[in-house]
Amino acid sequence: MIGRQIGIWTVRGAGLASVLLLGGCTSVITGVYGGTDTSAPSAVRPSPGPNVVQMDPDAECPQINVPTGTSAWSGAKDAAAVRYQAVLSQFARECVLNPGNDVTIRIGVEGRVLLGLNGAPGTYTAPLRIAVRDRAGNYVYNQVRRVTVTVPPGETQGTFKIVDDSPHVALSPEATLGSYDIQVGFGGDAGGPPRKKRRG
């Protein structure tokens, strides 16, 4: 089998753009949690306003983890029948604070498809799952994307890059940004919640 050990690699702020060409993203360093009622020295009592809490989306952005057994994908049940193997190589993530205590998590994934002994140049696919969990293990985002890689004639491998900016999480004093967990791995439901059995 073709493969290598996959580690966790994170990139902060502008580094994300240079690695995966994600574009000009910026991170805001202050966040807003709830509201508070303060008293002014004058007799006029101001209306309730937002309580600004210092936070750093770069420092608190969740880490990317690869569940055991999901760092590679061949689509073959028998090792002797392997035509190709898709492997993960690099990751990046960036958190952008939006108004209303909402955070967009942009996740970048790079990988390769390597031809096996029975493989030949052509187009290959693999299911890549990107998920975000809260501290209780509940999935707030869980999507499978089918990556397509073309190995050109005369070559033995091809590469892919994916950027997913769909995940959003809501912040609160009880659910901080650092309490979430990002999962990336191959497989339709690998490491995810169990599928519900259909009746009938």
C-alpha atoms as a PDB file:
ATOM      1  CA  MET A   1       0.000   0.000   0.000  1.00  0.00           C
ATOM      2  CA  ILE A   2       1.140   3.514  -0.722  1.00  0.00           C
ATOM      3  CA  GLY A   3       0.947   5.973   2.105  1.00  0.00           C
ATOM      4  CA  ARG A   4       2.680   7.951   4.749  1.00  0.00           C
ATOM      5  CA  GLN A   5       2.003   9.271   8.190  1.00  0.00           C
ATOM      6  CA  ILE A   6      -0.289  12.285   8.179  1.00  0.00           C
ATOM      7  CA  GLY A   7       0.210  15.020  10.707  1.00  0.00           C
ATOM      8  CA  ILE A   8      -1.801  18.083  11.664  1.00  0.00           C
ATOM      9  CA  TRP A   9      -0.709  21.211   9.834  1.00  0.00           C
ATOM     10  CA  THR A  10      -2.314  24.556  10.461  1.00  0.00           C
ATOM     11  CA  VAL A  11      -1.796  27.937   8.924  1.00  0.00           C
ATOM     12  CA  ARG A  12      -2.788  31.250  10.436  1.00  0.00           C
ATOM     13  CA  GLY A  13      -4.107  34.406   8.793  1.00  0.00           C
ATOM     14  CA  ALA A  14      -2.384  35.354   5.564  1.00  0.00           C
ATOM     15  CA  GLY A  15      -0.478  32.078   5.482  1.00  0.00           C
ATOM     16  CA  LEU A  16      -3.641  30.333   4.414  1.00  0.00           C
ATOM     17  CA  ALA A  17      -3.792  32.370   1.233  1.00  0.00           C
ATOM     18  CA  SER A  18      -0.206  31.576   0.293  1.00  0.00           C
ATOM     19  CA  VAL A  19      -0.597  27.836   0.813  1.00  0.00           C
ATOM     20  CA  LEU A  20      -3.926  27.140  -0.846  1.00  0.00           C
ATOM     21  CA  LEU A  21      -4.559  30.373  -2.741  1.00  0.00           C
ATOM     22  CA  LEU A  22      -7.693  31.046  -0.735  1.00  0.00           C
ATOM     23  CA  GLY A  23      -7.727  34.724  -1.541  1.00  0.00           C
ATOM     24  CA  GLY A  24      -7.530  37.778   0.646  1.00  0.00           C
ATOM     25  CA  CYS A  25      -9.024  36.729   3.941  1.00  0.00           C
ATOM     26  CA  THR A  26      -8.560  38.734   7.092  1.00  0.00           C
ATOM     27  CA  SER A  27      -9.306  37.849  10.688  1.00  0.00           C
ATOM     28  CA  VAL A  28     -11.025  40.223  13.066  1.00  0.00           C
ATOM     29  CA  ILE A  29      -9.543  40.357  16.563  1.00  0.00           C
ATOM     30  CA  THR A  30     -12.604  41.403  18.548  1.00  0.00           C
ATOM     31  CA  GLY A  31     -15.876  39.608  19.052  1.00  0.00           C
ATOM     32  CA  VAL A  32     -19.287  40.451  20.452  1.00  0.00           C
ATOM     33  CA  TYR A  33     -21.023  38.282  23.047  1.00  0.00           C
ATOM     34  CA  GLY A  34     -24.555  39.067  24.170  1.00  0.00           C
ATOM     35  CA  GLY A  35     -25.547  42.382  25.727  1.00  0.00           C
ATOM     36  CA  THR A  36     -25.015  44.277  28.960  1.00  0.00           C
ATOM     37  CA  ASP A  37     -26.623  47.166  30.789  1.00  0.00           C
ATOM     38  CA  THR A  38     -24.215  49.806  32.119  1.00  0.00           C
ATOM     39  CA  SER A  39     -24.827  52.972  34.091  1.00  0.00           C
ATOM     40  CA  ALA A  40     -23.460  56.348  33.001  1.00  0.00           C
ATOM     41  CA  PRO A  41     -22.395  59.150  35.384  1.00  0.00           C
ATOM     42  CA  SER A  42     -25.185  61.354  34.067  1.00  0.00           C
ATOM     43  CA  ALA A  43     -28.845  60.984  34.864  1.00  0.00           C
ATOM     44  CA  VAL A  44     -29.483  59.624  31.364  1.00  0.00           C
ATOM     45  CA  ARG A  45     -29.346  55.837  31.319  1.00  0.00           C
ATOM     46  CA  PRO A  46     -28.009  54.514  27.991  1.00  0.00           C
ATOM     47  CA  SER A  47     -29.797  51.767  26.120  1.00  0.00           C
ATOM     48  CA  PRO A  48     -28.357  48.246  26.454  1.00  0.00           C
ATOM     49  CA  GLY A  49     -25.442  47.673  24.092  1.00  0.00           C
ATOM     50  CA  PRO A  50     -23.157  44.832  23.087  1.00  0.00           C
ATOM     51  CA  ASN A  51     -20.442  43.664  25.422  1.00  0.00           C
ATOM     52  CA  VAL A  52     -17.218  43.532  23.425  1.00  0.00           C
ATOM     53  CA  VAL A  53     -14.974  40.649  24.452  1.00  0.00           C
ATOM     54  CA  GLN A  54     -11.398  40.341  23.248  1.00  0.00           C
ATOM     55  CA  MET A  55     -10.737  37.199  21.216  1.00  0.00           C
ATOM     56  CA  ASP A  56      -8.295  36.074  18.557  1.00  0.00           C
ATOM     57  CA  PRO A  57      -9.801  33.922  15.759  1.00  0.00           C
ATOM     58  CA  ASP A  58      -6.320  32.917  14.621  1.00  0.00           C
ATOM     59  CA  ALA A  59      -5.255  31.607  18.028  1.00  0.00           C
ATOM     60  CA  GLU A  60      -8.627  30.038  18.877  1.00  0.00           C
ATOM     61  CA  CYS A  61      -9.429  28.575  15.443  1.00  0.00           C
ATOM     62  CA  PRO A  62     -10.078  24.823  15.942  1.00  0.00           C
ATOM     63  CA  GLN A  63      -7.364  22.338  15.062  1.00  0.00           C
ATOM     64  CA  ILE A  64      -7.732  19.935  12.139  1.00  0.00           C
ATOM     65  CA  ASN A  65      -7.721  16.247  13.056  1.00  0.00           C
ATOM     66  CA  VAL A  66      -7.662  13.162  10.826  1.00  0.00           C
ATOM     67  CA  PRO A  67      -9.665  10.256  12.305  1.00  0.00           C
ATOM     68  CA  THR A  68      -7.818   6.943  12.432  1.00  0.00           C
ATOM     69  CA  GLY A  69      -7.985   5.050   9.163  1.00  0.00           C
ATOM     70  CA  THR A  70      -9.187   7.983   7.046  1.00  0.00           C
ATOM     71  CA  SER A  71      -5.887   9.463   5.803  1.00  0.00           C
ATOM     72  CA  ALA A  72      -5.924   7.347   2.618  1.00  0.00           C
ATOM     73  CA  TRP A  73      -8.473   5.873   0.200  1.00  0.00           C
ATOM     74  CA  SER A  74      -8.150   3.261  -2.528  1.00  0.00           C
ATOM     75  CA  GLY A  75     -11.732   2.161  -3.087  1.00  0.00           C
ATOM     76  CA  ALA A  76     -10.557  -1.478  -3.328  1.00  0.00           C
ATOM     77  CA  LYS A  77     -11.354  -4.230  -0.839  1.00  0.00           C
ATOM     78  CA  ASP A  78      -8.465  -6.415  -1.984  1.00  0.00           C
ATOM     79  CA  ALA A  79      -4.944  -4.983  -1.757  1.00  0.00           C
ATOM     80  CA  ALA A  80      -3.983  -6.861  -4.917  1.00  0.00           C
ATOM     81  CA  ALA A  81      -6.678  -5.008  -6.855  1.00  0.00           C
ATOM     82  CA  VAL A  82      -5.597  -1.490  -5.889  1.00  0.00           C
ATOM     83  CA  ARG A  83      -5.394   0.753  -8.954  1.00  0.00           C
ATOM     84  CA  TYR A  84      -4.797   4.009  -7.104  1.00  0.00           C
ATOM     85  CA  GLN A  85      -4.607   5.494  -3.663  1.00  0.00           C
ATOM     86  CA  ALA A  86      -5.674   8.983  -2.593  1.00  0.00           C
ATOM     87  CA  VAL A  87      -3.720  10.411   0.337  1.00  0.00           C
ATOM     88  CA  LEU A  88      -3.955  13.622   2.346  1.00  0.00           C
ATOM     89  CA  SER A  89      -0.872  15.837   2.417  1.00  0.00           C
ATOM     90  CA  GLN A  90      -1.558  19.310   3.843  1.00  0.00           C
ATOM     91  CA  PHE A  91      -4.264  21.229   5.683  1.00  0.00           C
ATOM     92  CA  ALA A  92      -5.048  24.829   6.496  1.00  0.00           C
ATOM     93  CA  ARG A  93      -7.848  26.584   8.352  1.00  0.00           C
ATOM     94  CA  GLU A  94      -8.877  30.161   8.962  1.00  0.00           C
ATOM     95  CA  CYS A  95     -11.624  31.583  11.156  1.00  0.00           C
ATOM     96  CA  VAL A  96     -13.346  34.840  10.246  1.00  0.00           C
ATOM     97  CA  LEU A  97     -15.562  36.570  12.798  1.00  0.00           C
ATOM     98  CA  ASN A  98     -18.825  37.900  11.362  1.00  0.00           C
ATOM     99  CA  PRO A  99     -21.431  40.177  12.970  1.00  0.00           C
ATOM    100  CA  GLY A 100     -23.805  38.476  15.372  1.00  0.00           C
ATOM    101  CA  ASN A 101     -21.367  36.092  17.078  1.00  0.00           C
ATOM    102  CA  ASP A 102     -21.080  33.992  13.919  1.00  0.00           C
ATOM    103  CA  VAL A 103     -17.751  32.568  12.735  1.00  0.00           C
ATOM    104  CA  THR A 104     -16.973  31.278   9.255  1.00  0.00           C
ATOM    105  CA  ILE A 105     -14.416  28.464   9.240  1.00  0.00           C
ATOM    106  CA  ARG A 106     -12.519  28.141   5.959  1.00  0.00           C
ATOM    107  CA  ILE A 107     -10.867  24.738   5.579  1.00  0.00           C
ATOM    108  CA  GLY A 108      -8.271  23.969   2.924  1.00  0.00           C
ATOM    109  CA  VAL A 109      -7.158  20.447   2.038  1.00  0.00           C
ATOM    110  CA  GLU A 110      -4.428  19.292  -0.334  1.00  0.00           C
ATOM    111  CA  GLY A 111      -3.838  15.700  -1.389  1.00  0.00           C
ATOM    112  CA  ARG A 112      -2.533  13.394  -4.062  1.00  0.00           C
ATOM    113  CA  VAL A 113      -3.621  10.360  -6.033  1.00  0.00           C
ATOM    114  CA  LEU A 114      -0.869   7.793  -6.559  1.00  0.00           C
ATOM    115  CA  LEU A 115      -1.154   5.012  -9.117  1.00  0.00           C
ATOM    116  CA  GLY A 116      -0.817   1.432  -7.932  1.00  0.00           C
ATOM    117  CA  LEU A 117       0.601  -1.554  -9.811  1.00  0.00           C
ATOM    118  CA  ASN A 118      -2.720  -2.039 -11.582  1.00  0.00           C
ATOM    119  CA  GLY A 119      -3.298   1.652 -12.211  1.00  0.00           C
ATOM    120  CA  ALA A 120      -3.042   3.681 -15.382  1.00  0.00           C
ATOM    121  CA  PRO A 121      -3.295   7.387 -16.220  1.00  0.00           C
ATOM    122  CA  GLY A 122      -6.856   8.601 -16.049  1.00  0.00           C
ATOM    123  CA  THR A 123      -9.416  10.265 -13.792  1.00  0.00           C
ATOM    124  CA  TYR A 124     -10.055   8.983 -10.273  1.00  0.00           C
ATOM    125  CA  THR A 125     -12.430   9.997  -7.496  1.00  0.00           C
ATOM    126  CA  ALA A 126     -12.479   9.693  -3.716  1.00  0.00           C
ATOM    127  CA  PRO A 127     -14.992  10.765  -1.033  1.00  0.00           C
ATOM    128  CA  LEU A 128     -13.567  13.428   1.284  1.00  0.00           C
ATOM    129  CA  ARG A 129     -15.456  14.258   4.461  1.00  0.00           C
ATOM    130  CA  ILE A 130     -15.136  17.625   6.196  1.00  0.00           C
ATOM    131  CA  ALA A 131     -16.885  17.999   9.548  1.00  0.00           C
ATOM    132  CA  VAL A 132     -17.045  20.306  12.566  1.00  0.00           C
ATOM    133  CA  ARG A 133     -18.081  19.071  16.034  1.00  0.00           C
ATOM    134  CA  ASP A 134     -18.865  20.831  19.282  1.00  0.00           C
ATOM    135  CA  ARG A 135     -17.397  19.784  22.626  1.00  0.00           C
ATOM    136  CA  ALA A 136     -20.305  17.375  23.200  1.00  0.00           C
ATOM    137  CA  GLY A 137     -19.483  15.504  19.982  1.00  0.00           C
ATOM    138  CA  ASN A 138     -22.469  16.859  18.065  1.00  0.00           C
ATOM    139  CA  TYR A 139     -21.837  17.611  14.391  1.00  0.00           C
ATOM    140  CA  VAL A 140     -22.663  21.189  13.463  1.00  0.00           C
ATOM    141  CA  TYR A 141     -21.312  20.573   9.946  1.00  0.00           C
ATOM    142  CA  ASN A 142     -20.769  17.249   8.188  1.00  0.00           C
ATOM    143  CA  GLN A 143     -20.412  17.079   4.417  1.00  0.00           C
ATOM    144  CA  VAL A 144     -18.840  14.620   1.987  1.00  0.00           C
ATOM    145  CA  ARG A 145     -17.301  16.035  -1.169  1.00  0.00           C
ATOM    146  CA  ARG A 146     -16.152  13.852  -4.045  1.00  0.00           C
ATOM    147  CA  VAL A 147     -12.701  14.930  -5.138  1.00  0.00           C
ATOM    148  CA  THR A 148     -11.693  14.258  -8.734  1.00  0.00           C
ATOM    149  CA  VAL A 149      -8.057  13.874  -9.733  1.00  0.00           C
ATOM    150  CA  THR A 150      -6.645  13.359 -13.209  1.00  0.00           C
ATOM    151  CA  VAL A 151      -3.317  11.575 -13.617  1.00  0.00           C
ATOM    152  CA  PRO A 152      -1.875  12.746 -16.958  1.00  0.00           C
ATOM    153  CA  PRO A 153      -0.365  10.311 -19.473  1.00  0.00           C
ATOM    154  CA  GLY A 154       3.199   9.464 -18.576  1.00  0.00           C
ATOM    155  CA  GLU A 155       2.690  10.457 -14.926  1.00  0.00           C
ATOM    156  CA  THR A 156       2.129   8.320 -11.840  1.00  0.00           C
ATOM    157  CA  GLN A 157       0.289  10.828  -9.653  1.00  0.00           C
ATOM    158  CA  GLY A 158      -2.025  13.834  -9.615  1.00  0.00           C
ATOM    159  CA  THR A 159      -2.966  16.424  -7.010  1.00  0.00           C
ATOM    160  CA  PHE A 160      -6.114  18.069  -5.702  1.00  0.00           C
ATOM    161  CA  LYS A 161      -6.952  21.154  -3.646  1.00  0.00           C
ATOM    162  CA  ILE A 162     -10.255  21.868  -1.922  1.00  0.00           C
ATOM    163  CA  VAL A 163     -11.397  24.938  -0.015  1.00  0.00           C
ATOM    164  CA  ASP A 164     -14.627  24.662   1.986  1.00  0.00           C
ATOM    165  CA  ASP A 165     -15.942  27.898   3.482  1.00  0.00           C
ATOM    166  CA  SER A 166     -19.434  26.598   4.257  1.00  0.00           C
ATOM    167  CA  PRO A 167     -18.956  25.737   7.963  1.00  0.00           C
ATOM    168  CA  HIS A 168     -20.393  28.320  10.375  1.00  0.00           C
ATOM    169  CA  VAL A 169     -20.488  28.156  14.165  1.00  0.00           C
ATOM    170  CA  ALA A 170     -22.327  30.354  16.648  1.00  0.00           C
ATOM    171  CA  LEU A 171     -20.320  31.653  19.597  1.00  0.00           C
ATOM    172  CA  SER A 172     -21.431  32.190  23.169  1.00  0.00           C
ATOM    173  CA  PRO A 173     -19.673  32.342  26.547  1.00  0.00           C
ATOM    174  CA  GLU A 174     -20.464  28.624  26.914  1.00  0.00           C
ATOM    175  CA  ALA A 175     -19.463  27.671  23.337  1.00  0.00           C
ATOM    176  CA  THR A 176     -16.138  29.323  22.571  1.00  0.00           C
ATOM    177  CA  LEU A 177     -14.385  28.985  19.232  1.00  0.00           C
ATOM    178  CA  GLY A 178     -11.715  26.741  20.718  1.00  0.00           C
ATOM    179  CA  SER A 179     -14.323  24.248  21.924  1.00  0.00           C
ATOM    180  CA  TYR A 180     -15.014  23.055  18.372  1.00  0.00           C
ATOM    181  CA  ASP A 181     -13.159  20.312  16.521  1.00  0.00           C
ATOM    182  CA  ILE A 182     -12.493  20.004  12.767  1.00  0.00           C
ATOM    183  CA  GLN A 183     -12.296  16.574  11.160  1.00  0.00           C
ATOM    184  CA  VAL A 184     -10.964  15.807   7.684  1.00  0.00           C
ATOM    185  CA  GLY A 185     -10.697  12.323   6.202  1.00  0.00           C
ATOM    186  CA  PHE A 186     -11.643   9.994   3.370  1.00  0.00           C
ATOM    187  CA  GLY A 187     -14.803   7.927   3.547  1.00  0.00           C
ATOM    188  CA  GLY A 188     -18.504   8.551   3.234  1.00  0.00           C
ATOM    189  CA  ASP A 189     -19.186   8.447   6.953  1.00  0.00           C
ATOM    190  CA  ALA A 190     -15.815   7.530   8.483  1.00  0.00           C
ATOM    191  CA  GLY A 191     -15.615   8.938  11.976  1.00  0.00           C
ATOM    192  CA  GLY A 192     -19.040  10.500  11.646  1.00  0.00           C
ATOM    193  CA  PRO A 193     -22.357   9.817  13.307  1.00  0.00           C
ATOM    194  CA  PRO A 194     -23.902   6.383  12.666  1.00  0.00           C
ATOM    195  CA  ARG A 195     -26.273   6.073   9.777  1.00  0.00           C
ATOM    196  CA  LYS A 196     -29.921   5.577  10.597  1.00  0.00           C
ATOM    197  CA  LYS A 197     -31.382   2.288   9.417  1.00  0.00           C
ATOM    198  CA  ARG A 198     -34.218   2.576   6.981  1.00  0.00           C
ATOM    199  CA  ARG A 199     -37.386   0.662   7.646  1.00  0.00           C
ATOM    200  CA  GLY A 200     -39.010  -1.474   5.061  1.00  0.00           C
END
